Protein backbone atom coordinates (compact mmCIF):
# COMPACT_ATOMS: atom_id res chain seq x y z
CA MET A 1 -22.78 -3.28 -5.14
CA VAL A 2 -20.53 -5.69 -7.02
CA ARG A 3 -16.85 -4.91 -6.99
CA THR A 4 -14.85 -5.40 -10.17
CA PRO A 5 -12.20 -8.09 -9.65
CA LEU A 6 -8.65 -6.83 -9.39
CA THR A 7 -6.27 -7.47 -12.24
CA PRO A 8 -3.04 -9.38 -11.57
CA TRP A 9 -1.15 -6.10 -11.89
CA GLU A 10 -3.36 -4.42 -9.28
CA ARG A 11 -2.75 -7.31 -6.88
CA GLN A 12 1.02 -7.03 -7.48
CA ARG A 13 0.83 -3.29 -6.88
CA GLY A 14 -0.84 -3.97 -3.53
CA GLU A 15 1.86 -6.48 -2.63
CA ARG A 16 4.58 -3.92 -3.48
CA LEU A 17 2.86 -1.33 -1.30
CA GLY A 18 2.59 -3.80 1.57
CA ALA A 19 6.25 -4.82 1.28
CA LEU A 20 7.37 -1.18 1.25
CA LEU A 21 5.32 -0.33 4.33
CA ARG A 22 6.51 -3.46 6.15
CA GLY A 23 10.12 -2.65 5.37
CA ALA A 24 9.71 0.96 6.53
CA ARG A 25 8.06 -0.22 9.76
CA GLY A 26 11.21 -2.16 10.64
CA GLU A 27 11.25 -3.28 14.26
CA ARG A 28 8.32 -1.11 15.34
CA SER A 29 5.22 -3.07 16.23
CA MET A 30 2.24 -3.15 13.93
CA VAL A 31 0.05 -1.92 16.79
CA GLU A 32 2.33 1.07 17.46
CA VAL A 33 2.45 2.18 13.83
CA ALA A 34 -1.26 1.62 13.24
CA ALA A 35 -2.19 3.62 16.35
CA ALA A 36 0.10 6.49 15.36
CA ALA A 37 -1.53 6.57 11.91
CA GLY A 38 -5.05 6.34 13.31
CA VAL A 39 -5.89 3.00 11.68
CA SER A 40 -6.51 -0.42 13.15
CA ALA A 41 -3.74 -2.98 13.42
CA GLU A 42 -5.93 -5.30 11.32
CA THR A 43 -6.08 -2.72 8.54
CA LEU A 44 -2.31 -2.38 8.57
CA ARG A 45 -1.95 -6.17 8.62
CA LYS A 46 -4.20 -6.52 5.57
CA ILE A 47 -2.29 -3.84 3.67
CA GLU A 48 1.12 -5.29 4.53
CA THR A 49 0.07 -8.79 3.45
CA GLY A 50 -1.58 -7.62 0.23
CA ARG A 51 -5.06 -8.69 1.37
CA ALA A 52 -6.16 -5.04 1.05
CA PRO A 53 -4.44 -4.09 -2.21
CA THR A 54 -6.41 -0.87 -2.74
CA PRO A 55 -6.46 0.97 0.60
CA ALA A 56 -7.96 4.43 0.87
CA PHE A 57 -5.68 7.33 -0.02
CA PHE A 58 -5.89 8.92 3.43
CA THR A 59 -4.97 5.60 5.06
CA VAL A 60 -1.89 5.34 2.87
CA ALA A 61 -1.02 9.00 3.46
CA ALA A 62 -1.30 8.60 7.25
CA LEU A 63 0.87 5.46 7.24
CA ALA A 64 3.44 7.14 4.99
CA ALA A 65 3.67 10.13 7.34
CA VAL A 66 4.18 7.91 10.39
CA LEU A 67 6.80 5.82 8.58
CA GLY A 68 8.66 8.79 7.11
CA LEU A 69 7.89 7.86 3.50
CA SER A 70 7.04 10.39 0.84
CA LEU A 71 3.94 9.90 -1.26
CA ASP A 72 6.17 10.32 -4.33
CA GLU A 73 8.24 7.34 -3.20
CA LEU A 74 5.13 5.25 -2.59
CA ALA A 75 3.71 6.17 -5.99
CA ALA A 76 6.97 5.31 -7.76
CA VAL A 77 7.15 1.87 -6.15
CA CYS A 78 3.47 1.10 -6.62
CA ALA A 79 3.26 2.31 -10.23
CA ARG A 80 6.33 0.36 -11.28
CA ASP A 81 5.62 -2.09 -14.08
CA ASP A 82 7.49 -5.36 -13.60
CA GLY A 83 7.02 -6.35 -17.22
CA HIS A 84 3.50 -7.69 -16.72
CA GLY A 85 1.72 -4.70 -18.21
CA GLY A 86 -0.61 -2.27 -16.54
CA GLY A 87 1.86 0.35 -15.33
CA GLU A 88 0.70 2.88 -17.88
CA GLN A 89 -2.89 2.38 -16.77
CA ALA A 90 -2.05 3.33 -13.20
CA LEU A 91 -0.35 6.52 -14.28
CA SER A 92 -3.35 7.68 -16.25
CA ALA A 93 -5.98 6.67 -13.69
């Protein structure tokens, strides 16, 4: 199966998600947060660095719960359009 390449906006969205999760993690270790969410530390590392810009919904939901973030807050940050186009696409998808 060939995966469609991500658009620049999708990559930026992944970077925003990663930055938000990293900021919410604060001083807690990556291993601690990942274990509490039931994901591997490598998965969390990839999400935080933007190397996994489209993580599974349940992975994001589990991380959000552990970090005390609402899914509404995550969606607002990730759907934000920084003037590069594509924000409307995310809202309709």
